Amino acid sequence: MDWNDNERNLIKYMLEKSSQIGRAMGAREIAVPPVFRKYDVNIYKTTHLQGGAIMGDNPGNSVVNRWLQHWQMSNLFVIGASSFPQNPSGNPTLTILALTLRTADVIANSYLKRPELLA
């Protein structure tokens, strides 16, 4: 796992823009961290990692359906940020919580009554 060139470019762009905004707002001191080189778990311990079991509309390009249910194993539900294709914001916790509650609801109210693929 490592940052790709597009991610490095996005980070560099965001750092430049946020510095400009800070200066325009009258910031007296702006500390800009260096652009990330190689991913290091010791540095990025609080990184919100996503991906690996992408959610989608068909099994040809995703691992789980909209209910976080595995396409090939109807009794496997993958809860967490692994269903995200990327990190859409600084903190995915509330989105993970919302999807978890939604999945728990469909398991309790639909899947347990009729255990099969829901999508």
PDB file of N, CA and C in Angstrom:
ATOM      1  N   MET A   1       0.838  -1.169   0.000  1.00  0.00           N
ATOM      2  CA  MET A   1       0.000   0.000   0.000  1.00  0.00           C
ATOM      3  C   MET A   1       0.885   1.235   0.000  1.00  0.00           C
ATOM      4  N   ASP A   2       0.530   2.155  -0.871  1.00  0.00           N
ATOM      5  CA  ASP A   2       1.283   3.395  -0.942  1.00  0.00           C
ATOM      6  C   ASP A   2       0.416   4.457  -1.610  1.00  0.00           C
ATOM      7  N   TRP A   3       0.813   5.720  -1.441  1.00  0.00           N
ATOM      8  CA  TRP A   3       0.127   6.814  -2.124  1.00  0.00           C
ATOM      9  C   TRP A   3       0.438   6.724  -3.611  1.00  0.00           C
ATOM     10  N   ASN A   4      -0.544   6.989  -4.465  1.00  0.00           N
ATOM     11  CA  ASN A   4      -0.244   7.043  -5.892  1.00  0.00           C
ATOM     12  C   ASN A   4      -0.012   8.496  -6.295  1.00  0.00           C
ATOM     13  N   ASP A   5       0.420   8.715  -7.526  1.00  0.00           N
ATOM     14  CA  ASP A   5       0.756  10.072  -7.978  1.00  0.00           C
ATOM     15  C   ASP A   5      -0.447  11.010  -7.906  1.00  0.00           C
ATOM     16  N   ASN A   6      -1.626  10.518  -8.242  1.00  0.00           N
ATOM     17  CA  ASN A   6      -2.809  11.361  -8.190  1.00  0.00           C
ATOM     18  C   ASN A   6      -3.097  11.815  -6.761  1.00  0.00           C
ATOM     19  N   GLU A   7      -2.961  10.917  -5.795  1.00  0.00           N
ATOM     20  CA  GLU A   7      -3.183  11.285  -4.389  1.00  0.00           C
ATOM     21  C   GLU A   7      -2.152  12.308  -3.921  1.00  0.00           C
ATOM     22  N   ARG A   8      -0.907  12.128  -4.319  1.00  0.00           N
ATOM     23  CA  ARG A   8       0.127  13.105  -3.954  1.00  0.00           C
ATOM     24  C   ARG A   8      -0.182  14.471  -4.562  1.00  0.00           C
ATOM     25  N   ASN A   9      -0.634  14.476  -5.819  1.00  0.00           N
ATOM     26  CA  ASN A   9      -0.983  15.737  -6.477  1.00  0.00           C
ATOM     27  C   ASN A   9      -2.188  16.402  -5.811  1.00  0.00           C
ATOM     28  N   LEU A  10      -3.174  15.606  -5.417  1.00  0.00           N
ATOM     29  CA  LEU A  10      -4.337  16.154  -4.718  1.00  0.00           C
ATOM     30  C   LEU A  10      -3.939  16.770  -3.380  1.00  0.00           C
ATOM     31  N   ILE A  11      -3.078  16.094  -2.647  1.00  0.00           N
ATOM     32  CA  ILE A  11      -2.620  16.603  -1.353  1.00  0.00           C
ATOM     33  C   ILE A  11      -1.863  17.912  -1.545  1.00  0.00           C
ATOM     34  N   LYS A  12      -0.972  17.941  -2.520  1.00  0.00           N
ATOM     35  CA  LYS A  12      -0.204  19.156  -2.799  1.00  0.00           C
ATOM     36  C   LYS A  12      -1.145  20.311  -3.160  1.00  0.00           C
ATOM     37  N   TYR A  13      -2.117  20.040  -3.999  1.00  0.00           N
ATOM     38  CA  TYR A  13      -3.088  21.067  -4.400  1.00  0.00           C
ATOM     39  C   TYR A  13      -3.874  21.584  -3.184  1.00  0.00           C
ATOM     40  N   MET A  14      -4.354  20.651  -2.345  1.00  0.00           N
ATOM     41  CA  MET A  14      -5.126  21.056  -1.167  1.00  0.00           C
ATOM     42  C   MET A  14      -4.280  21.879  -0.195  1.00  0.00           C
ATOM     43  N   LEU A  15      -3.019  21.502  -0.021  1.00  0.00           N
ATOM     44  CA  LEU A  15      -2.137  22.266   0.858  1.00  0.00           C
ATOM     45  C   LEU A  15      -1.927  23.676   0.330  1.00  0.00           C
ATOM     46  N   GLU A  16      -1.724  23.806  -0.983  1.00  0.00           N
ATOM     47  CA  GLU A  16      -1.537  25.129  -1.581  1.00  0.00           C
ATOM     48  C   GLU A  16      -2.800  25.982  -1.426  1.00  0.00           C
ATOM     49  N   LYS A  17      -3.964  25.402  -1.730  1.00  0.00           N
ATOM     50  CA  LYS A  17      -5.224  26.146  -1.636  1.00  0.00           C
ATOM     51  C   LYS A  17      -5.547  26.539  -0.196  1.00  0.00           C
ATOM     52  N   SER A  18      -5.348  25.607   0.739  1.00  0.00           N
ATOM     53  CA  SER A  18      -5.659  25.932   2.129  1.00  0.00           C
ATOM     54  C   SER A  18      -4.707  27.004   2.666  1.00  0.00           C
ATOM     55  N   SER A  19      -3.471  27.020   2.197  1.00  0.00           N
ATOM     56  CA  SER A  19      -2.540  28.078   2.582  1.00  0.00           C
ATOM     57  C   SER A  19      -3.000  29.424   2.039  1.00  0.00           C
ATOM     58  N   GLN A  20      -3.456  29.443   0.792  1.00  0.00           N
ATOM     59  CA  GLN A  20      -3.971  30.679   0.197  1.00  0.00           C
ATOM     60  C   GLN A  20      -5.180  31.196   0.980  1.00  0.00           C
ATOM     61  N   ILE A  21      -6.057  30.294   1.344  1.00  0.00           N
ATOM     62  CA  ILE A  21      -7.251  30.679   2.102  1.00  0.00           C
ATOM     63  C   ILE A  21      -6.844  31.221   3.472  1.00  0.00           C
ATOM     64  N   GLY A  22      -5.898  30.555   4.106  1.00  0.00           N
ATOM     65  CA  GLY A  22      -5.422  31.021   5.405  1.00  0.00           C
ATOM     66  C   GLY A  22      -4.830  32.420   5.326  1.00  0.00           C
ATOM     67  N   ARG A  23      -4.007  32.668   4.307  1.00  0.00           N
ATOM     68  CA  ARG A  23      -3.415  34.007   4.129  1.00  0.00           C
ATOM     69  C   ARG A  23      -4.503  35.045   3.883  1.00  0.00           C
ATOM     70  N   ALA A  24      -5.487  34.711   3.046  1.00  0.00           N
ATOM     71  CA  ALA A  24      -6.580  35.636   2.746  1.00  0.00           C
ATOM     72  C   ALA A  24      -7.410  35.956   3.990  1.00  0.00           C
ATOM     73  N   MET A  25      -7.443  35.012   4.938  1.00  0.00           N
ATOM     74  CA  MET A  25      -8.194  35.220   6.178  1.00  0.00           C
ATOM     75  C   MET A  25      -7.348  35.916   7.247  1.00  0.00           C
ATOM     76  N   GLY A  26      -6.089  36.207   6.911  1.00  0.00           N
ATOM     77  CA  GLY A  26      -5.241  36.933   7.842  1.00  0.00           C
ATOM     78  C   GLY A  26      -4.377  36.072   8.744  1.00  0.00           C
ATOM     79  N   ALA A  27      -4.163  34.825   8.387  1.00  0.00           N
ATOM     80  CA  ALA A  27      -3.320  33.962   9.207  1.00  0.00           C
ATOM     81  C   ALA A  27      -1.909  34.528   9.262  1.00  0.00           C
ATOM     82  N   ARG A  28      -1.339  34.506  10.427  1.00  0.00           N
ATOM     83  CA  ARG A  28       0.017  35.032  10.610  1.00  0.00           C
ATOM     84  C   ARG A  28       1.074  33.959  10.430  1.00  0.00           C
ATOM     85  N   GLU A  29       0.705  32.731  10.674  1.00  0.00           N
ATOM     86  CA  GLU A  29       1.653  31.626  10.540  1.00  0.00           C
ATOM     87  C   GLU A  29       0.943  30.438   9.889  1.00  0.00           C
ATOM     88  N   ILE A  30       1.535  29.902   8.846  1.00  0.00           N
ATOM     89  CA  ILE A  30       0.962  28.745   8.155  1.00  0.00           C
ATOM     90  C   ILE A  30       2.044  27.679   8.074  1.00  0.00           C
ATOM     91  N   ALA A  31       1.770  26.551   8.667  1.00  0.00           N
ATOM     92  CA  ALA A  31       2.723  25.438   8.641  1.00  0.00           C
ATOM     93  C   ALA A  31       2.219  24.409   7.635  1.00  0.00           C
ATOM     94  N   VAL A  32       2.958  24.246   6.556  1.00  0.00           N
ATOM     95  CA  VAL A  32       2.570  23.308   5.506  1.00  0.00           C
ATOM     96  C   VAL A  32       3.462  22.077   5.605  1.00  0.00           C
ATOM     97  N   PRO A  33       2.836  20.914   5.876  1.00  0.00           N
ATOM     98  CA  PRO A  33       3.648  19.690   5.949  1.00  0.00           C
ATOM     99  C   PRO A  33       4.163  19.310   4.564  1.00  0.00           C
ATOM    100  N   PRO A  34       5.229  18.537   4.506  1.00  0.00           N
ATOM    101  CA  PRO A  34       5.735  18.099   3.205  1.00  0.00           C
ATOM    102  C   PRO A  34       4.740  17.164   2.522  1.00  0.00           C
ATOM    103  N   VAL A  35       4.779  17.149   1.195  1.00  0.00           N
ATOM    104  CA  VAL A  35       3.931  16.225   0.442  1.00  0.00           C
ATOM    105  C   VAL A  35       4.372  14.805   0.774  1.00  0.00           C
ATOM    106  N   PHE A  36       3.417  13.931   0.953  1.00  0.00           N
ATOM    107  CA  PHE A  36       3.715  12.560   1.370  1.00  0.00           C
ATOM    108  C   PHE A  36       4.605  11.847   0.355  1.00  0.00           C
ATOM    109  N   ARG A  37       5.583  11.170   0.852  1.00  0.00           N
ATOM    110  CA  ARG A  37       6.478  10.396   0.006  1.00  0.00           C
ATOM    111  C   ARG A  37       5.977   8.945  -0.081  1.00  0.00           C
ATOM    112  N   LYS A  38       6.408   8.105   0.823  1.00  0.00           N
ATOM    113  CA  LYS A  38       6.005   6.702   0.849  1.00  0.00           C
ATOM    114  C   LYS A  38       5.129   6.486   2.076  1.00  0.00           C
ATOM    115  N   TYR A  39       4.090   5.683   1.930  1.00  0.00           N
ATOM    116  CA  TYR A  39       3.192   5.418   3.049  1.00  0.00           C
ATOM    117  C   TYR A  39       3.964   4.739   4.175  1.00  0.00           C
ATOM    118  N   ASP A  40       3.800   5.245   5.384  1.00  0.00           N
ATOM    119  CA  ASP A  40       4.485   4.710   6.555  1.00  0.00           C
ATOM    120  C   ASP A  40       3.471   4.575   7.687  1.00  0.00           C
ATOM    121  N   VAL A  41       3.193   3.364   8.107  1.00  0.00           N
ATOM    122  CA  VAL A  41       2.180   3.121   9.127  1.00  0.00           C
ATOM    123  C   VAL A  41       2.526   3.820  10.438  1.00  0.00           C
ATOM    124  N   ASN A  42       3.799   4.063  10.711  1.00  0.00           N
ATOM    125  CA  ASN A  42       4.180   4.756  11.944  1.00  0.00           C
ATOM    126  C   ASN A  42       3.778   6.228  11.922  1.00  0.00           C
ATOM    127  N   ILE A  43       3.774   6.828  10.752  1.00  0.00           N
ATOM    128  CA  ILE A  43       3.388   8.234  10.626  1.00  0.00           C
ATOM    129  C   ILE A  43       1.872   8.372  10.538  1.00  0.00           C
ATOM    130  N   TYR A  44       1.222   7.489   9.803  1.00  0.00           N
ATOM    131  CA  TYR A  44      -0.199   7.625   9.513  1.00  0.00           C
ATOM    132  C   TYR A  44      -1.062   6.704  10.372  1.00  0.00           C
ATOM    133  N   LYS A  45      -0.800   6.645  11.664  1.00  0.00           N
ATOM    134  CA  LYS A  45      -1.552   5.746  12.544  1.00  0.00           C
ATOM    135  C   LYS A  45      -3.027   6.113  12.629  1.00  0.00           C
ATOM    136  N   THR A  46      -3.370   7.368  12.421  1.00  0.00           N
ATOM    137  CA  THR A  46      -4.776   7.776  12.516  1.00  0.00           C
ATOM    138  C   THR A  46      -5.448   7.870  11.158  1.00  0.00           C
ATOM    139  N   THR A  47      -4.797   7.390  10.126  1.00  0.00           N
ATOM    140  CA  THR A  47      -5.371   7.427   8.789  1.00  0.00           C
ATOM    141  C   THR A  47      -6.618   6.549   8.739  1.00  0.00           C
ATOM    142  N   HIS A  48      -7.657   7.062   8.108  1.00  0.00           N
ATOM    143  CA  HIS A  48      -8.883   6.288   7.924  1.00  0.00           C
ATOM    144  C   HIS A  48      -8.759   5.526   6.613  1.00  0.00           C
ATOM    145  N   LEU A  49      -8.439   4.255   6.707  1.00  0.00           N
ATOM    146  CA  LEU A  49      -8.235   3.446   5.520  1.00  0.00           C
ATOM    147  C   LEU A  49      -9.557   2.886   5.014  1.00  0.00           C
ATOM    148  N   GLN A  50      -9.745   2.922   3.714  1.00  0.00           N
ATOM    149  CA  GLN A  50     -10.945   2.389   3.087  1.00  0.00           C
ATOM    150  C   GLN A  50     -10.565   1.508   1.918  1.00  0.00           C
ATOM    151  N   GLY A  51     -11.576   0.800   1.414  1.00  0.00           N
ATOM    152  CA  GLY A  51     -11.382   0.008   0.219  1.00  0.00           C
ATOM    153  C   GLY A  51     -11.120  -1.455   0.509  1.00  0.00           C
ATOM    154  N   GLY A  52     -11.142  -2.228  -0.556  1.00  0.00           N
ATOM    155  CA  GLY A  52     -10.878  -3.648  -0.456  1.00  0.00           C
ATOM    156  C   GLY A  52     -12.094  -4.511  -0.714  1.00  0.00           C
ATOM    157  N   ALA A  53     -13.266  -3.983  -0.382  1.00  0.00           N
ATOM    158  CA  ALA A  53     -14.527  -4.708  -0.608  1.00  0.00           C
ATOM    159  C   ALA A  53     -15.561  -3.687  -1.101  1.00  0.00           C
ATOM    160  N   ILE A  54     -15.306  -3.130  -2.262  1.00  0.00           N
ATOM    161  CA  ILE A  54     -16.086  -2.010  -2.788  1.00  0.00           C
ATOM    162  C   ILE A  54     -17.563  -2.365  -2.965  1.00  0.00           C
ATOM    163  N   MET A  55     -18.427  -1.417  -2.584  1.00  0.00           N
ATOM    164  CA  MET A  55     -19.870  -1.553  -2.748  1.00  0.00           C
ATOM    165  C   MET A  55     -20.252  -1.107  -4.161  1.00  0.00           C
ATOM    166  N   GLY A  56     -21.203  -1.834  -4.776  1.00  0.00           N
ATOM    167  CA  GLY A  56     -21.637  -1.453  -6.110  1.00  0.00           C
ATOM    168  C   GLY A  56     -22.956  -2.092  -6.503  1.00  0.00           C
ATOM    169  N   ASP A  57     -23.345  -1.846  -7.750  1.00  0.00           N
ATOM    170  CA  ASP A  57     -24.637  -2.323  -8.250  1.00  0.00           C
ATOM    171  C   ASP A  57     -24.575  -3.674  -8.943  1.00  0.00           C
ATOM    172  N   ASN A  58     -23.368  -4.182  -9.200  1.00  0.00           N
ATOM    173  CA  ASN A  58     -23.291  -5.501  -9.826  1.00  0.00           C
ATOM    174  C   ASN A  58     -22.005  -6.210  -9.420  1.00  0.00           C
ATOM    175  N   PRO A  59     -22.027  -7.525  -9.409  1.00  0.00           N
ATOM    176  CA  PRO A  59     -20.864  -8.291  -8.954  1.00  0.00           C
ATOM    177  C   PRO A  59     -19.673  -8.230  -9.907  1.00  0.00           C
ATOM    178  N   GLY A  60     -19.871  -7.689 -11.093  1.00  0.00           N
ATOM    179  CA  GLY A  60     -18.771  -7.585 -12.043  1.00  0.00           C
ATOM    180  C   GLY A  60     -17.750  -6.528 -11.663  1.00  0.00           C
ATOM    181  N   ASN A  61     -18.168  -5.515 -10.892  1.00  0.00           N
ATOM    182  CA  ASN A  61     -17.228  -4.459 -10.530  1.00  0.00           C
ATOM    183  C   ASN A  61     -17.283  -4.081  -9.050  1.00  0.00           C
ATOM    184  N   SER A  62     -17.827  -4.972  -8.231  1.00  0.00           N
ATOM    185  CA  SER A  62     -17.887  -4.695  -6.797  1.00  0.00           C
ATOM    186  C   SER A  62     -17.895  -6.006  -6.014  1.00  0.00           C
ATOM    187  N   VAL A  63     -17.646  -5.904  -4.726  1.00  0.00           N
ATOM    188  CA  VAL A  63     -17.590  -7.080  -3.856  1.00  0.00           C
ATOM    189  C   VAL A  63     -18.893  -7.252  -3.082  1.00  0.00           C
ATOM    190  N   VAL A  64     -19.476  -6.118  -2.644  1.00  0.00           N
ATOM    191  CA  VAL A  64     -20.719  -6.164  -1.877  1.00  0.00           C
ATOM    192  C   VAL A  64     -21.790  -5.315  -2.556  1.00  0.00           C
ATOM    193  N   ASN A  65     -23.048  -5.640  -2.268  1.00  0.00           N
ATOM    194  CA  ASN A  65     -24.153  -4.852  -2.809  1.00  0.00           C
ATOM    195  C   ASN A  65     -24.473  -3.672  -1.894  1.00  0.00           C
ATOM    196  N   ARG A  66     -25.532  -2.960  -2.191  1.00  0.00           N
ATOM    197  CA  ARG A  66     -25.868  -1.753  -1.429  1.00  0.00           C
ATOM    198  C   ARG A  66     -26.166  -2.026   0.046  1.00  0.00           C
ATOM    199  N   TRP A  67     -26.424  -3.270   0.387  1.00  0.00           N
ATOM    200  CA  TRP A  67     -26.699  -3.644   1.779  1.00  0.00           C
ATOM    201  C   TRP A  67     -25.440  -4.168   2.473  1.00  0.00           C
ATOM    202  N   LEU A  68     -24.290  -4.024   1.818  1.00  0.00           N
ATOM    203  CA  LEU A  68     -22.993  -4.508   2.301  1.00  0.00           C
ATOM    204  C   LEU A  68     -22.960  -6.028   2.401  1.00  0.00           C
ATOM    205  N   GLN A  69     -23.764  -6.660   1.572  1.00  0.00           N
ATOM    206  CA  GLN A  69     -23.866  -8.121   1.506  1.00  0.00           C
ATOM    207  C   GLN A  69     -22.986  -8.612   0.356  1.00  0.00           C
ATOM    208  N   HIS A  70     -22.156  -9.610   0.647  1.00  0.00           N
ATOM    209  CA  HIS A  70     -21.260 -10.154  -0.372  1.00  0.00           C
ATOM    210  C   HIS A  70     -22.089 -10.754  -1.517  1.00  0.00           C
ATOM    211  N   TRP A  71     -21.674 -10.474  -2.738  1.00  0.00           N
ATOM    212  CA  TRP A  71     -22.422 -10.956  -3.898  1.00  0.00           C
ATOM    213  C   TRP A  71     -22.471 -12.477  -3.981  1.00  0.00           C
ATOM    214  N   GLN A  72     -21.399 -13.164  -3.571  1.00  0.00           N
ATOM    215  CA  GLN A  72     -21.331 -14.615  -3.741  1.00  0.00           C
ATOM    216  C   GLN A  72     -21.644 -15.404  -2.477  1.00  0.00           C
ATOM    217  N   MET A  73     -21.729 -14.748  -1.347  1.00  0.00           N
ATOM    218  CA  MET A  73     -22.048 -15.422  -0.077  1.00  0.00           C
ATOM    219  C   MET A  73     -23.129 -14.603   0.616  1.00  0.00           C
ATOM    220  N   SER A  74     -24.362 -14.989   0.433  1.00  0.00           N
ATOM    221  CA  SER A  74     -25.466 -14.165   0.936  1.00  0.00           C
ATOM    222  C   SER A  74     -25.480 -14.019   2.450  1.00  0.00           C
ATOM    223  N   ASN A  75     -24.791 -14.885   3.186  1.00  0.00           N
ATOM    224  CA  ASN A  75     -24.782 -14.765   4.639  1.00  0.00           C
ATOM    225  C   ASN A  75     -23.576 -13.974   5.165  1.00  0.00           C
ATOM    226  N   LEU A  76     -22.823 -13.337   4.255  1.00  0.00           N
ATOM    227  CA  LEU A  76     -21.673 -12.539   4.654  1.00  0.00           C
ATOM    228  C   LEU A  76     -21.968 -11.061   4.413  1.00  0.00           C
ATOM    229  N   PHE A  77     -21.965 -10.279   5.482  1.00  0.00           N
ATOM    230  CA  PHE A  77     -22.153  -8.832   5.401  1.00  0.00           C
ATOM    231  C   PHE A  77     -20.850  -8.179   5.852  1.00  0.00           C
ATOM    232  N   VAL A  78     -20.310  -7.281   5.039  1.00  0.00           N
ATOM    233  CA  VAL A  78     -19.020  -6.647   5.313  1.00  0.00           C
ATOM    234  C   VAL A  78     -19.279  -5.242   5.840  1.00  0.00           C
ATOM    235  N   ILE A  79     -19.112  -5.083   7.137  1.00  0.00           N
ATOM    236  CA  ILE A  79     -19.382  -3.801   7.786  1.00  0.00           C
ATOM    237  C   ILE A  79     -18.078  -3.019   7.926  1.00  0.00           C
ATOM    238  N   GLY A  80     -18.124  -1.723   7.655  1.00  0.00           N
ATOM    239  CA  GLY A  80     -16.942  -0.877   7.827  1.00  0.00           C
ATOM    240  C   GLY A  80     -16.617  -0.117   6.559  1.00  0.00           C
ATOM    241  N   ALA A  81     -15.492   0.541   6.584  1.00  0.00           N
ATOM    242  CA  ALA A  81     -15.097   1.421   5.486  1.00  0.00           C
ATOM    243  C   ALA A  81     -14.499   0.689   4.294  1.00  0.00           C
ATOM    244  N   SER A  82     -14.391  -0.627   4.364  1.00  0.00           N
ATOM    245  CA  SER A  82     -13.829  -1.354   3.223  1.00  0.00           C
ATOM    246  C   SER A  82     -14.737  -1.254   2.000  1.00  0.00           C
ATOM    247  N   SER A  83     -15.998  -0.879   2.190  1.00  0.00           N
ATOM    248  CA  SER A  83     -16.919  -0.762   1.050  1.00  0.00           C
ATOM    249  C   SER A  83     -16.742   0.546   0.289  1.00  0.00           C
ATOM    250  N   PHE A  84     -15.950   1.472   0.804  1.00  0.00           N
ATOM    251  CA  PHE A  84     -15.735   2.769   0.142  1.00  0.00           C
ATOM    252  C   PHE A  84     -14.664   2.643  -0.944  1.00  0.00           C
ATOM    253  N   PRO A  85     -14.875   3.255  -2.114  1.00  0.00           N
ATOM    254  CA  PRO A  85     -13.830   3.234  -3.138  1.00  0.00           C
ATOM    255  C   PRO A  85     -12.675   4.174  -2.814  1.00  0.00           C
ATOM    256  N   GLN A  86     -12.925   5.216  -2.008  1.00  0.00           N
ATOM    257  CA  GLN A  86     -11.888   6.136  -1.556  1.00  0.00           C
ATOM    258  C   GLN A  86     -12.421   6.872  -0.336  1.00  0.00           C
ATOM    259  N   ASN A  87     -11.584   7.712   0.262  1.00  0.00           N
ATOM    260  CA  ASN A  87     -12.000   8.483   1.431  1.00  0.00           C
ATOM    261  C   ASN A  87     -12.652   9.769   0.962  1.00  0.00           C
ATOM    262  N   PRO A  88     -13.985   9.883   1.089  1.00  0.00           N
ATOM    263  CA  PRO A  88     -14.671  11.062   0.585  1.00  0.00           C
ATOM    264  C   PRO A  88     -14.558  12.283   1.479  1.00  0.00           C
ATOM    265  N   SER A  89     -14.078  12.128   2.708  1.00  0.00           N
ATOM    266  CA  SER A  89     -13.945  13.270   3.612  1.00  0.00           C
ATOM    267  C   SER A  89     -12.893  12.969   4.660  1.00  0.00           C
ATOM    268  N   GLY A  90     -12.701  13.907   5.563  1.00  0.00           N
ATOM    269  CA  GLY A  90     -11.681  13.753   6.585  1.00  0.00           C
ATOM    270  C   GLY A  90     -11.982  12.689   7.615  1.00  0.00           C
ATOM    271  N   ASN A  91     -13.227  12.409   7.862  1.00  0.00           N
ATOM    272  CA  ASN A  91     -13.575  11.426   8.878  1.00  0.00           C
ATOM    273  C   ASN A  91     -14.801  10.637   8.427  1.00  0.00           C
ATOM    274  N   PRO A  92     -14.630   9.376   8.075  1.00  0.00           N
ATOM    275  CA  PRO A  92     -15.738   8.577   7.546  1.00  0.00           C
ATOM    276  C   PRO A  92     -16.615   7.918   8.611  1.00  0.00           C
ATOM    277  N   THR A  93     -16.372   8.203   9.887  1.00  0.00           N
ATOM    278  CA  THR A  93     -17.038   7.478  10.964  1.00  0.00           C
ATOM    279  C   THR A  93     -18.560   7.556  10.887  1.00  0.00           C
ATOM    280  N   LEU A  94     -19.125   8.731  10.659  1.00  0.00           N
ATOM    281  CA  LEU A  94     -20.584   8.853  10.625  1.00  0.00           C
ATOM    282  C   LEU A  94     -21.191   8.127   9.425  1.00  0.00           C
ATOM    283  N   THR A  95     -20.494   8.128   8.302  1.00  0.00           N
ATOM    284  CA  THR A  95     -20.981   7.384   7.142  1.00  0.00           C
ATOM    285  C   THR A  95     -20.934   5.887   7.417  1.00  0.00           C
ATOM    286  N   ILE A  96     -19.868   5.429   8.058  1.00  0.00           N
ATOM    287  CA  ILE A  96     -19.765   4.014   8.435  1.00  0.00           C
ATOM    288  C   ILE A  96     -20.904   3.653   9.387  1.00  0.00           C
ATOM    289  N   LEU A  97     -21.165   4.516  10.354  1.00  0.00           N
ATOM    290  CA  LEU A  97     -22.250   4.272  11.306  1.00  0.00           C
ATOM    291  C   LEU A  97     -23.597   4.191  10.598  1.00  0.00           C
ATOM    292  N   ALA A  98     -23.856   5.129   9.692  1.00  0.00           N
ATOM    293  CA  ALA A  98     -25.129   5.130   8.961  1.00  0.00           C
ATOM    294  C   ALA A  98     -25.300   3.846   8.145  1.00  0.00           C
ATOM    295  N   LEU A  99     -24.249   3.437   7.442  1.00  0.00           N
ATOM    296  CA  LEU A  99     -24.330   2.213   6.648  1.00  0.00           C
ATOM    297  C   LEU A  99     -24.479   0.978   7.545  1.00  0.00           C
ATOM    298  N   THR A 100     -23.829   0.992   8.692  1.00  0.00           N
ATOM    299  CA  THR A 100     -23.943  -0.136   9.634  1.00  0.00           C
ATOM    300  C   THR A 100     -25.367  -0.255  10.157  1.00  0.00           C
ATOM    301  N   LEU A 101     -25.958   0.861  10.549  1.00  0.00           N
ATOM    302  CA  LEU A 101     -27.341   0.835  11.033  1.00  0.00           C
ATOM    303  C   LEU A 101     -28.295   0.384   9.936  1.00  0.00           C
ATOM    304  N   ARG A 102     -28.065   0.861   8.722  1.00  0.00           N
ATOM    305  CA  ARG A 102     -28.909   0.475   7.587  1.00  0.00           C
ATOM    306  C   ARG A 102     -28.798  -1.025   7.319  1.00  0.00           C
ATOM    307  N   THR A 103     -27.573  -1.545   7.363  1.00  0.00           N
ATOM    308  CA  THR A 103     -27.355  -2.971   7.138  1.00  0.00           C
ATOM    309  C   THR A 103     -27.967  -3.804   8.264  1.00  0.00           C
ATOM    310  N   ALA A 104     -27.789  -3.368   9.503  1.00  0.00           N
ATOM    311  CA  ALA A 104     -28.384  -4.096  10.633  1.00  0.00           C
ATOM    312  C   ALA A 104     -29.903  -4.145  10.495  1.00  0.00           C
ATOM    313  N   ASP A 105     -30.492  -3.051  10.055  1.00  0.00           N
ATOM    314  CA  ASP A 105     -31.946  -3.007   9.866  1.00  0.00           C
ATOM    315  C   ASP A 105     -32.407  -3.996   8.791  1.00  0.00           C
ATOM    316  N   VAL A 106     -31.701  -4.044   7.660  1.00  0.00           N
ATOM    317  CA  VAL A 106     -32.113  -4.954   6.587  1.00  0.00           C
ATOM    318  C   VAL A 106     -31.862  -6.416   6.977  1.00  0.00           C
ATOM    319  N   ILE A 107     -30.831  -6.675   7.779  1.00  0.00           N
ATOM    320  CA  ILE A 107     -30.607  -8.041   8.257  1.00  0.00           C
ATOM    321  C   ILE A 107     -31.755  -8.464   9.169  1.00  0.00           C
ATOM    322  N   ALA A 108     -32.091  -7.609  10.126  1.00  0.00           N
ATOM    323  CA  ALA A 108     -33.134  -7.941  11.102  1.00  0.00           C
ATOM    324  C   ALA A 108     -34.520  -8.024  10.481  1.00  0.00           C
ATOM    325  N   ASN A 109     -34.812  -7.131   9.546  1.00  0.00           N
ATOM    326  CA  ASN A 109     -36.180  -7.032   9.028  1.00  0.00           C
ATOM    327  C   ASN A 109     -36.430  -7.710   7.687  1.00  0.00           C
ATOM    328  N   SER A 110     -35.382  -8.102   6.996  1.00  0.00           N
ATOM    329  CA  SER A 110     -35.569  -8.763   5.700  1.00  0.00           C
ATOM    330  C   SER A 110     -34.795 -10.074   5.600  1.00  0.00           C
ATOM    331  N   TYR A 111     -33.463  -9.982   5.789  1.00  0.00           N
ATOM    332  CA  TYR A 111     -32.620 -11.151   5.557  1.00  0.00           C
ATOM    333  C   TYR A 111     -32.981 -12.325   6.463  1.00  0.00           C
ATOM    334  N   LEU A 112     -33.175 -12.092   7.757  1.00  0.00           N
ATOM    335  CA  LEU A 112     -33.459 -13.203   8.677  1.00  0.00           C
ATOM    336  C   LEU A 112     -34.796 -13.879   8.368  1.00  0.00           C
ATOM    337  N   LYS A 113     -35.712 -13.141   7.780  1.00  0.00           N
ATOM    338  CA  LYS A 113     -37.001 -13.731   7.399  1.00  0.00           C
ATOM    339  C   LYS A 113     -36.885 -14.567   6.135  1.00  0.00           C
ATOM    340  N   ARG A 114     -35.958 -14.170   5.275  1.00  0.00           N
ATOM    341  CA  ARG A 114     -35.757 -14.858   4.001  1.00  0.00           C
ATOM    342  C   ARG A 114     -34.293 -14.749   3.618  1.00  0.00           C
ATOM    343  N   PRO A 115     -33.440 -15.654   4.121  1.00  0.00           N
ATOM    344  CA  PRO A 115     -31.995 -15.560   3.903  1.00  0.00           C
ATOM    345  C   PRO A 115     -31.598 -15.826   2.442  1.00  0.00           C
ATOM    346  N   GLU A 116     -31.441 -14.750   1.711  1.00  0.00           N
ATOM    347  CA  GLU A 116     -31.016 -14.839   0.315  1.00  0.00           C
ATOM    348  C   GLU A 116     -30.363 -13.521  -0.068  1.00  0.00           C
ATOM    349  N   LEU A 117     -29.863 -13.442  -1.286  1.00  0.00           N
ATOM    350  CA  LEU A 117     -29.255 -12.219  -1.789  1.00  0.00           C
ATOM    351  C   LEU A 117     -30.315 -11.123  -1.831  1.00  0.00           C
ATOM    352  N   LEU A 118     -30.029  -9.971  -1.253  1.00  0.00           N
ATOM    353  CA  LEU A 118     -31.014  -8.896  -1.130  1.00  0.00           C
ATOM    354  C   LEU A 118     -31.058  -7.962  -2.328  1.00  0.00           C
ATOM    355  N   ALA A 119     -30.044  -7.990  -3.146  1.00  0.00           N
ATOM    356  CA  ALA A 119     -30.019  -7.054  -4.290  1.00  0.00           C
ATOM    357  C   ALA A 119     -30.003  -7.830  -5.597  1.00  0.00           C
TER     358      ALA A 119
END
